[in-house]
């Protein structure tokens, strides 16, 4: 009897923790600092599958892994032909100067494109974890 209660409690715990794995990003504005000391504010968006920063003006920002600076994001095709969010080379703020607005030569990243990237990354992660995908 005790063994079956123990097994039930373990199963219940596993079920509960699997539902709690996806956590949305912080809903409040956060200050981000560039390597040169300049700062800007933005919202952290996404979850453990895919995340990005969004300015007050709804512009998408990503950190460049090579130099550490936060840059406006742009869409680019990867080797498999899927859209990926990559740094554009245009910093959000440089040495304290910047309008925090997307330059006219860059196209804004749409919410639907971000959703597609998130969905693909989520499915890939679930597949790696060998968790059956739920029907949506």
C-alpha atoms as a PDB file:
ATOM      1  CA  UNK A   1       0.000   0.000   0.000  1.00  0.00           C
ATOM      2  CA  UNK A   2       2.769   2.412   0.948  1.00  0.00           C
ATOM      3  CA  UNK A   3       4.670   1.525  -2.205  1.00  0.00           C
ATOM      4  CA  UNK A   4       1.713   2.425  -4.480  1.00  0.00           C
ATOM      5  CA  UNK A   5       1.257   5.770  -2.678  1.00  0.00           C
ATOM      6  CA  UNK A   6       4.944   6.466  -3.133  1.00  0.00           C
ATOM      7  CA  UNK A   7       4.763   5.638  -6.852  1.00  0.00           C
ATOM      8  CA  UNK A   8       1.659   7.826  -7.272  1.00  0.00           C
ATOM      9  CA  UNK A   9       3.348  10.764  -5.561  1.00  0.00           C
ATOM     10  CA  UNK A  10       6.421  10.397  -7.786  1.00  0.00           C
ATOM     11  CA  UNK A  11       4.268  10.273 -10.924  1.00  0.00           C
ATOM     12  CA  UNK A  12       2.276  13.297  -9.767  1.00  0.00           C
ATOM     13  CA  UNK A  13       5.526  15.216  -9.082  1.00  0.00           C
ATOM     14  CA  UNK A  14       6.888  14.373 -12.520  1.00  0.00           C
ATOM     15  CA  UNK A  15       3.658  15.449 -14.175  1.00  0.00           C
ATOM     16  CA  UNK A  16       3.614  18.721 -12.260  1.00  0.00           C
ATOM     17  CA  UNK A  17       7.249  19.585 -12.994  1.00  0.00           C
ATOM     18  CA  UNK A  18       6.902  18.832 -16.701  1.00  0.00           C
ATOM     19  CA  UNK A  19       4.094  21.403 -16.887  1.00  0.00           C
ATOM     20  CA  UNK A  20       6.269  23.998 -15.136  1.00  0.00           C
ATOM     21  CA  UNK A  21       9.266  23.756 -17.475  1.00  0.00           C
ATOM     22  CA  UNK A  22       8.274  26.617 -19.796  1.00  0.00           C
ATOM     23  CA  UNK A  23       8.764  29.942 -18.063  1.00  0.00           C
ATOM     24  CA  UNK A  24       8.119  33.294 -19.771  1.00  0.00           C
ATOM     25  CA  UNK A  25      10.681  36.079 -19.496  1.00  0.00           C
ATOM     26  CA  UNK A  26      10.416  38.916 -16.962  1.00  0.00           C
ATOM     27  CA  UNK A  27       7.497  41.253 -17.804  1.00  0.00           C
ATOM     28  CA  UNK A  28       9.168  44.500 -16.662  1.00  0.00           C
ATOM     29  CA  UNK A  29      11.703  46.782 -18.351  1.00  0.00           C
ATOM     30  CA  UNK A  30      15.371  45.917 -17.733  1.00  0.00           C
ATOM     31  CA  UNK A  31      18.559  47.986 -18.231  1.00  0.00           C
ATOM     32  CA  UNK A  32      21.168  46.466 -20.548  1.00  0.00           C
ATOM     33  CA  UNK A  33      24.768  47.643 -20.692  1.00  0.00           C
ATOM     34  CA  UNK A  34      26.963  47.628 -23.784  1.00  0.00           C
ATOM     35  CA  UNK A  35      30.657  46.638 -23.445  1.00  0.00           C
ATOM     36  CA  UNK A  36      31.568  50.338 -23.893  1.00  0.00           C
ATOM     37  CA  UNK A  37      29.465  51.285 -20.830  1.00  0.00           C
ATOM     38  CA  UNK A  38      26.484  52.821 -22.646  1.00  0.00           C
ATOM     39  CA  UNK A  39      23.053  51.592 -21.585  1.00  0.00           C
ATOM     40  CA  UNK A  40      19.574  51.101 -22.980  1.00  0.00           C
ATOM     41  CA  UNK A  41      16.354  49.705 -21.616  1.00  0.00           C
ATOM     42  CA  UNK A  42      14.224  46.937 -23.018  1.00  0.00           C
ATOM     43  CA  UNK A  43      11.969  44.014 -22.282  1.00  0.00           C
ATOM     44  CA  UNK A  44      13.258  40.455 -22.196  1.00  0.00           C
ATOM     45  CA  UNK A  45      10.935  38.315 -24.347  1.00  0.00           C
ATOM     46  CA  UNK A  46      10.583  34.610 -24.996  1.00  0.00           C
ATOM     47  CA  UNK A  47      11.286  31.555 -22.854  1.00  0.00           C
ATOM     48  CA  UNK A  48      13.863  28.787 -22.506  1.00  0.00           C
ATOM     49  CA  UNK A  49      13.433  27.750 -26.148  1.00  0.00           C
ATOM     50  CA  UNK A  50      14.033  31.146 -27.762  1.00  0.00           C
ATOM     51  CA  UNK A  51      14.526  34.642 -26.362  1.00  0.00           C
ATOM     52  CA  UNK A  52      15.262  38.187 -27.525  1.00  0.00           C
ATOM     53  CA  UNK A  53      15.146  41.779 -26.268  1.00  0.00           C
ATOM     54  CA  UNK A  54      12.538  44.277 -27.388  1.00  0.00           C
ATOM     55  CA  UNK A  55      12.853  48.053 -26.990  1.00  0.00           C
ATOM     56  CA  UNK A  56      10.003  50.369 -26.002  1.00  0.00           C
ATOM     57  CA  UNK A  57       9.554  51.042 -29.735  1.00  0.00           C
ATOM     58  CA  UNK A  58       8.972  47.291 -30.355  1.00  0.00           C
ATOM     59  CA  UNK A  59      12.347  46.891 -32.088  1.00  0.00           C
ATOM     60  CA  UNK A  60      14.011  43.480 -31.746  1.00  0.00           C
ATOM     61  CA  UNK A  61      17.526  43.429 -30.265  1.00  0.00           C
ATOM     62  CA  UNK A  62      19.990  40.535 -29.975  1.00  0.00           C
ATOM     63  CA  UNK A  63      23.475  40.281 -28.512  1.00  0.00           C
ATOM     64  CA  UNK A  64      26.296  39.740 -30.962  1.00  0.00           C
ATOM     65  CA  UNK A  65      28.224  36.685 -29.700  1.00  0.00           C
ATOM     66  CA  UNK A  66      31.512  37.804 -31.283  1.00  0.00           C
ATOM     67  CA  UNK A  67      31.817  41.280 -29.731  1.00  0.00           C
ATOM     68  CA  UNK A  68      29.200  41.271 -26.933  1.00  0.00           C
ATOM     69  CA  UNK A  69      27.358  44.385 -28.182  1.00  0.00           C
ATOM     70  CA  UNK A  70      23.574  44.523 -28.379  1.00  0.00           C
ATOM     71  CA  UNK A  71      22.484  45.121 -31.966  1.00  0.00           C
ATOM     72  CA  UNK A  72      19.202  45.413 -33.792  1.00  0.00           C
ATOM     73  CA  UNK A  73      18.116  41.979 -34.974  1.00  0.00           C
ATOM     74  CA  UNK A  74      17.406  40.939 -38.528  1.00  0.00           C
ATOM     75  CA  UNK A  75      16.136  37.776 -40.187  1.00  0.00           C
ATOM     76  CA  UNK A  76      18.563  35.601 -42.082  1.00  0.00           C
ATOM     77  CA  UNK A  77      18.258  32.138 -43.638  1.00  0.00           C
ATOM     78  CA  UNK A  78      20.351  29.379 -42.085  1.00  0.00           C
ATOM     79  CA  UNK A  79      21.983  26.474 -43.967  1.00  0.00           C
ATOM     80  CA  UNK A  80      18.709  24.512 -43.802  1.00  0.00           C
ATOM     81  CA  UNK A  81      16.711  27.388 -45.329  1.00  0.00           C
ATOM     82  CA  UNK A  82      14.943  28.381 -42.092  1.00  0.00           C
ATOM     83  CA  UNK A  83      14.732  31.951 -40.817  1.00  0.00           C
ATOM     84  CA  UNK A  84      16.987  32.807 -37.889  1.00  0.00           C
ATOM     85  CA  UNK A  85      17.284  35.961 -35.808  1.00  0.00           C
ATOM     86  CA  UNK A  86      20.823  37.337 -36.118  1.00  0.00           C
ATOM     87  CA  UNK A  87      22.611  40.578 -35.147  1.00  0.00           C
ATOM     88  CA  UNK A  88      22.523  43.216 -37.907  1.00  0.00           C
ATOM     89  CA  UNK A  89      25.820  44.923 -37.114  1.00  0.00           C
ATOM     90  CA  UNK A  90      23.998  48.115 -36.060  1.00  0.00           C
ATOM     91  CA  UNK A  91      24.341  48.746 -32.338  1.00  0.00           C
ATOM     92  CA  UNK A  92      21.347  49.937 -30.337  1.00  0.00           C
ATOM     93  CA  UNK A  93      23.445  52.484 -28.442  1.00  0.00           C
ATOM     94  CA  UNK A  94      27.088  53.311 -29.043  1.00  0.00           C
ATOM     95  CA  UNK A  95      29.102  55.339 -26.510  1.00  0.00           C
ATOM     96  CA  UNK A  96      25.901  56.773 -25.032  1.00  0.00           C
ATOM     97  CA  UNK A  97      24.513  58.030 -28.352  1.00  0.00           C
ATOM     98  CA  UNK A  98      21.661  56.448 -30.224  1.00  0.00           C
ATOM     99  CA  UNK A  99      18.023  56.979 -30.961  1.00  0.00           C
ATOM    100  CA  UNK A 100      17.084  53.419 -30.004  1.00  0.00           C
ATOM    101  CA  UNK A 101      15.181  53.318 -33.279  1.00  0.00           C
ATOM    102  CA  UNK A 102      15.644  50.858 -36.093  1.00  0.00           C
ATOM    103  CA  UNK A 103      17.636  52.411 -38.956  1.00  0.00           C
ATOM    104  CA  UNK A 104      15.686  52.862 -42.197  1.00  0.00           C
ATOM    105  CA  UNK A 105      17.882  50.361 -44.078  1.00  0.00           C
ATOM    106  CA  UNK A 106      16.814  47.490 -41.767  1.00  0.00           C
ATOM    107  CA  UNK A 107      13.418  45.817 -41.979  1.00  0.00           C
ATOM    108  CA  UNK A 108      11.536  45.311 -38.707  1.00  0.00           C
ATOM    109  CA  UNK A 109      11.275  41.712 -37.499  1.00  0.00           C
ATOM    110  CA  UNK A 110       7.618  40.664 -37.446  1.00  0.00           C
ATOM    111  CA  UNK A 111       5.980  38.977 -34.506  1.00  0.00           C
ATOM    112  CA  UNK A 112       4.901  36.093 -36.745  1.00  0.00           C
ATOM    113  CA  UNK A 113       8.517  35.468 -37.833  1.00  0.00           C
ATOM    114  CA  UNK A 114       9.595  35.358 -34.183  1.00  0.00           C
ATOM    115  CA  UNK A 115       6.724  32.939 -33.477  1.00  0.00           C
ATOM    116  CA  UNK A 116       7.839  30.626 -36.275  1.00  0.00           C
ATOM    117  CA  UNK A 117      11.427  30.618 -35.016  1.00  0.00           C
ATOM    118  CA  UNK A 118      10.222  29.934 -31.460  1.00  0.00           C
ATOM    119  CA  UNK A 119       7.984  27.069 -32.613  1.00  0.00           C
ATOM    120  CA  UNK A 120      10.789  25.424 -34.609  1.00  0.00           C
ATOM    121  CA  UNK A 121      13.292  25.724 -31.739  1.00  0.00           C
ATOM    122  CA  UNK A 122      10.735  24.384 -29.268  1.00  0.00           C
ATOM    123  CA  UNK A 123       9.970  21.374 -31.463  1.00  0.00           C
ATOM    124  CA  UNK A 124      13.690  20.704 -31.940  1.00  0.00           C
ATOM    125  CA  UNK A 125      14.314  20.826 -28.165  1.00  0.00           C
ATOM    126  CA  UNK A 126      11.369  18.548 -27.429  1.00  0.00           C
ATOM    127  CA  UNK A 127      12.580  16.132 -30.067  1.00  0.00           C
ATOM    128  CA  UNK A 128      16.060  16.136 -28.495  1.00  0.00           C
ATOM    129  CA  UNK A 129      14.478  15.397 -25.116  1.00  0.00           C
ATOM    130  CA  UNK A 130      12.370  12.678 -26.763  1.00  0.00           C
ATOM    131  CA  UNK A 131       9.135  14.090 -25.403  1.00  0.00           C
ATOM    132  CA  UNK A 132       6.128  13.413 -27.623  1.00  0.00           C
ATOM    133  CA  UNK A 133       4.788  16.640 -29.122  1.00  0.00           C
ATOM    134  CA  UNK A 134       1.341  17.648 -27.966  1.00  0.00           C
ATOM    135  CA  UNK A 135      -1.323  18.350 -30.562  1.00  0.00           C
ATOM    136  CA  UNK A 136      -2.008  22.058 -30.904  1.00  0.00           C
END
